[in-house]
């Protein structure tokens, strides 16, 4: 008794029929915008991960250079330039 239902279910699951669907320009544009947005978010995340440590290192290097220039310009005997 179960065997005919099992065969019918197997036939229905393995066969496919064409889907006559239409994606209009609004939906297509939305899909393209979503894909571009996801790709852009990934690139911005990678840029942030790489850029901010480099920016911090350059800022630290610049502040050390300024501190060195301040100490090099001061006369040790009088404490003036």
N, C-alpha and C. Protein backbone atom coordinates (compact mmCIF):
# COMPACT_ATOMS: atom_id res chain seq x y z
N UNK A 1 0.80 -1.19 0.00
CA UNK A 1 0.00 0.00 0.00
C UNK A 1 0.85 1.26 0.00
N UNK A 2 1.94 1.26 0.74
CA UNK A 2 2.82 2.43 0.81
C UNK A 2 3.65 2.55 -0.46
N UNK A 3 3.90 1.47 -1.12
CA UNK A 3 4.78 1.47 -2.28
C UNK A 3 4.28 2.39 -3.41
N UNK A 4 3.01 2.43 -3.78
CA UNK A 4 2.58 3.36 -4.84
C UNK A 4 2.80 4.83 -4.45
N UNK A 5 2.57 5.17 -3.20
CA UNK A 5 2.79 6.55 -2.76
C UNK A 5 4.27 6.92 -2.78
N UNK A 6 5.09 5.95 -2.43
CA UNK A 6 6.54 6.17 -2.45
C UNK A 6 7.02 6.37 -3.88
N UNK A 7 6.52 5.57 -4.80
CA UNK A 7 6.90 5.72 -6.21
C UNK A 7 6.43 7.06 -6.77
N UNK A 8 5.21 7.45 -6.42
CA UNK A 8 4.68 8.72 -6.88
C UNK A 8 5.50 9.90 -6.33
N UNK A 9 5.84 9.84 -5.07
CA UNK A 9 6.66 10.89 -4.47
C UNK A 9 8.03 10.95 -5.11
N UNK A 10 8.63 9.80 -5.38
CA UNK A 10 9.94 9.75 -6.01
C UNK A 10 9.89 10.34 -7.42
N UNK A 11 8.86 10.03 -8.17
CA UNK A 11 8.72 10.57 -9.52
C UNK A 11 8.53 12.07 -9.47
N UNK A 12 7.72 12.57 -8.55
CA UNK A 12 7.47 14.00 -8.45
C UNK A 12 8.72 14.77 -8.01
N UNK A 13 9.52 14.18 -7.16
CA UNK A 13 10.73 14.85 -6.68
C UNK A 13 11.86 14.86 -7.71
N UNK A 14 11.89 13.84 -8.57
CA UNK A 14 12.99 13.75 -9.52
C UNK A 14 12.72 14.45 -10.85
N UNK A 15 11.47 14.72 -11.16
CA UNK A 15 11.18 15.42 -12.40
C UNK A 15 11.04 16.91 -12.12
N UNK A 16 11.32 17.67 -13.12
CA UNK A 16 11.20 19.11 -12.96
C UNK A 16 10.42 19.68 -14.13
N UNK A 17 9.76 20.76 -13.86
CA UNK A 17 9.04 21.45 -14.92
C UNK A 17 9.61 22.86 -15.03
N UNK A 18 9.55 23.44 -16.21
CA UNK A 18 10.11 24.78 -16.36
C UNK A 18 9.29 25.81 -15.58
N UNK A 19 10.00 26.76 -15.01
CA UNK A 19 9.34 27.85 -14.30
C UNK A 19 9.29 29.04 -15.24
N UNK A 20 8.10 29.42 -15.64
CA UNK A 20 7.94 30.55 -16.53
C UNK A 20 7.89 31.81 -15.68
N UNK A 21 9.06 32.28 -15.29
CA UNK A 21 9.14 33.43 -14.39
C UNK A 21 9.81 34.57 -15.13
N UNK A 22 9.44 35.76 -14.72
CA UNK A 22 10.01 36.97 -15.32
C UNK A 22 10.53 37.85 -14.20
N UNK A 23 11.77 38.22 -14.31
CA UNK A 23 12.34 39.16 -13.35
C UNK A 23 12.40 40.50 -14.07
N UNK A 24 11.61 41.43 -13.61
CA UNK A 24 11.53 42.74 -14.25
C UNK A 24 12.78 43.57 -13.97
N UNK A 25 12.87 44.73 -14.59
CA UNK A 25 14.05 45.57 -14.41
C UNK A 25 14.21 46.07 -12.98
N UNK A 26 13.10 46.27 -12.28
CA UNK A 26 13.20 46.72 -10.88
C UNK A 26 13.81 45.66 -10.00
N UNK A 27 13.35 44.45 -10.13
CA UNK A 27 13.87 43.35 -9.32
C UNK A 27 15.31 43.02 -9.72
N UNK A 28 15.58 43.04 -11.02
CA UNK A 28 16.95 42.76 -11.49
C UNK A 28 17.92 43.81 -10.99
N UNK A 29 17.50 45.08 -11.02
CA UNK A 29 18.37 46.16 -10.52
C UNK A 29 18.61 46.03 -9.03
N UNK A 30 17.58 45.62 -8.30
CA UNK A 30 17.73 45.42 -6.86
C UNK A 30 18.71 44.30 -6.54
N UNK A 31 18.64 43.23 -7.30
CA UNK A 31 19.56 42.11 -7.10
C UNK A 31 20.99 42.54 -7.39
N UNK A 32 21.18 43.26 -8.48
CA UNK A 32 22.52 43.73 -8.84
C UNK A 32 23.05 44.69 -7.77
N UNK A 33 22.19 45.59 -7.29
CA UNK A 33 22.62 46.54 -6.24
C UNK A 33 22.98 45.81 -4.96
N UNK A 34 22.24 44.77 -4.61
CA UNK A 34 22.53 44.00 -3.40
C UNK A 34 23.87 43.28 -3.53
N UNK A 35 24.12 42.71 -4.69
CA UNK A 35 25.39 42.01 -4.91
C UNK A 35 26.56 42.99 -4.84
N UNK A 36 26.42 44.13 -5.49
CA UNK A 36 27.48 45.15 -5.44
C UNK A 36 27.69 45.64 -4.02
N UNK A 37 26.59 45.79 -3.25
CA UNK A 37 26.70 46.23 -1.87
C UNK A 37 27.45 45.24 -1.00
N UNK A 38 27.18 43.97 -1.16
CA UNK A 38 27.88 42.94 -0.38
C UNK A 38 29.36 42.92 -0.73
N UNK A 39 29.67 42.98 -2.02
CA UNK A 39 31.08 42.98 -2.45
C UNK A 39 31.78 44.24 -1.94
N UNK A 40 31.11 45.39 -2.01
CA UNK A 40 31.69 46.64 -1.51
C UNK A 40 31.94 46.58 -0.01
N UNK A 41 31.01 45.99 0.73
CA UNK A 41 31.18 45.87 2.18
C UNK A 41 32.38 44.99 2.51
N UNK A 42 32.58 43.94 1.76
CA UNK A 42 33.73 43.06 1.99
C UNK A 42 35.03 43.81 1.73
N UNK A 43 35.09 44.55 0.61
CA UNK A 43 36.30 45.32 0.30
C UNK A 43 36.56 46.40 1.33
N UNK A 44 35.52 47.09 1.78
CA UNK A 44 35.71 48.12 2.81
C UNK A 44 36.17 47.53 4.13
N UNK A 45 35.68 46.36 4.47
CA UNK A 45 36.13 45.70 5.70
C UNK A 45 37.60 45.34 5.60
N UNK A 46 38.00 44.78 4.47
CA UNK A 46 39.41 44.44 4.29
C UNK A 46 40.29 45.69 4.29
N UNK A 47 39.80 46.76 3.66
CA UNK A 47 40.54 48.02 3.64
C UNK A 47 40.70 48.57 5.05
N UNK A 48 39.65 48.50 5.85
CA UNK A 48 39.72 48.97 7.23
C UNK A 48 40.68 48.16 8.06
N UNK A 49 40.68 46.87 7.85
CA UNK A 49 41.58 46.00 8.61
C UNK A 49 43.03 46.29 8.27
N UNK A 50 43.31 46.59 7.02
CA UNK A 50 44.69 46.85 6.59
C UNK A 50 45.09 48.31 6.82
N UNK A 51 44.19 49.26 6.58
CA UNK A 51 44.53 50.68 6.58
C UNK A 51 44.77 51.23 7.99
N UNK A 52 43.92 50.92 8.94
CA UNK A 52 44.03 51.56 10.24
C UNK A 52 45.31 51.20 11.00
N UNK A 53 45.80 49.97 10.98
CA UNK A 53 47.09 49.72 11.63
C UNK A 53 48.25 50.48 10.95
N UNK A 54 48.18 50.60 9.63
CA UNK A 54 49.22 51.36 8.91
C UNK A 54 49.12 52.83 9.28
N UNK A 55 47.91 53.35 9.35
CA UNK A 55 47.70 54.76 9.72
C UNK A 55 48.22 55.02 11.13
N UNK A 56 47.95 54.11 12.05
CA UNK A 56 48.42 54.26 13.43
C UNK A 56 49.94 54.22 13.50
N UNK A 57 50.55 53.34 12.74
CA UNK A 57 52.02 53.24 12.73
C UNK A 57 52.64 54.51 12.16
N UNK A 58 52.06 55.05 11.09
CA UNK A 58 52.59 56.29 10.51
C UNK A 58 52.43 57.46 11.47
N UNK A 59 51.31 57.51 12.18
CA UNK A 59 51.07 58.59 13.13
C UNK A 59 52.06 58.49 14.30
N UNK A 60 52.33 57.29 14.76
CA UNK A 60 53.28 57.08 15.84
C UNK A 60 54.69 57.47 15.39
N UNK A 61 55.03 57.11 14.18
CA UNK A 61 56.34 57.45 13.62
C UNK A 61 56.50 58.96 13.49
N UNK A 62 55.44 59.63 13.06
CA UNK A 62 55.46 61.08 12.88
C UNK A 62 55.60 61.78 14.23
N UNK A 63 54.90 61.29 15.25
CA UNK A 63 55.00 61.92 16.57
C UNK A 63 56.39 61.71 17.17
N UNK A 64 57.01 60.57 16.94
CA UNK A 64 58.38 60.36 17.41
C UNK A 64 59.35 61.30 16.72
N UNK A 65 59.13 61.51 15.42
CA UNK A 65 60.00 62.41 14.67
C UNK A 65 59.86 63.84 15.19
N UNK A 66 58.63 64.27 15.48
CA UNK A 66 58.43 65.62 16.02
C UNK A 66 59.06 65.77 17.40
N UNK A 67 58.93 64.75 18.22
CA UNK A 67 59.52 64.80 19.55
C UNK A 67 61.04 64.87 19.46
N UNK A 68 61.62 64.17 18.51
CA UNK A 68 63.06 64.19 18.33
C UNK A 68 63.52 65.57 17.84
N UNK A 69 62.73 66.17 16.92
CA UNK A 69 63.07 67.51 16.43
C UNK A 69 63.01 68.54 17.56
N UNK A 70 62.06 68.40 18.46
CA UNK A 70 61.96 69.32 19.59
C UNK A 70 63.16 69.20 20.51
N UNK A 71 63.58 67.98 20.77
CA UNK A 71 64.71 67.81 21.68
C UNK A 71 66.03 68.17 21.01
N UNK A 72 66.16 67.98 19.70
CA UNK A 72 67.40 68.33 19.00
C UNK A 72 67.57 69.84 18.87
N UNK A 73 66.48 70.60 18.82
CA UNK A 73 66.55 72.03 18.62
C UNK A 73 66.83 72.81 19.91
N UNK A 74 66.75 72.17 21.04
CA UNK A 74 66.93 72.86 22.33
C UNK A 74 68.40 72.80 22.72
N UNK A 75 68.94 73.97 23.12
CA UNK A 75 70.32 74.05 23.59
C UNK A 75 70.39 73.49 25.02
N UNK A 76 71.28 72.57 25.25
CA UNK A 76 71.32 71.89 26.54
C UNK A 76 71.78 72.80 27.67
N UNK A 77 72.64 73.78 27.39
CA UNK A 77 73.16 74.63 28.45
C UNK A 77 72.10 75.62 28.94
N UNK A 78 71.45 76.31 28.03
CA UNK A 78 70.52 77.36 28.43
C UNK A 78 69.07 76.88 28.39
N UNK A 79 68.77 75.82 27.68
CA UNK A 79 67.42 75.36 27.56
C UNK A 79 66.63 76.11 26.51
N UNK A 80 67.35 76.92 25.70
CA UNK A 80 66.69 77.70 24.64
C UNK A 80 67.21 77.30 23.29
N UNK A 81 66.49 77.76 22.23
CA UNK A 81 66.91 77.49 20.85
C UNK A 81 68.13 78.27 20.48
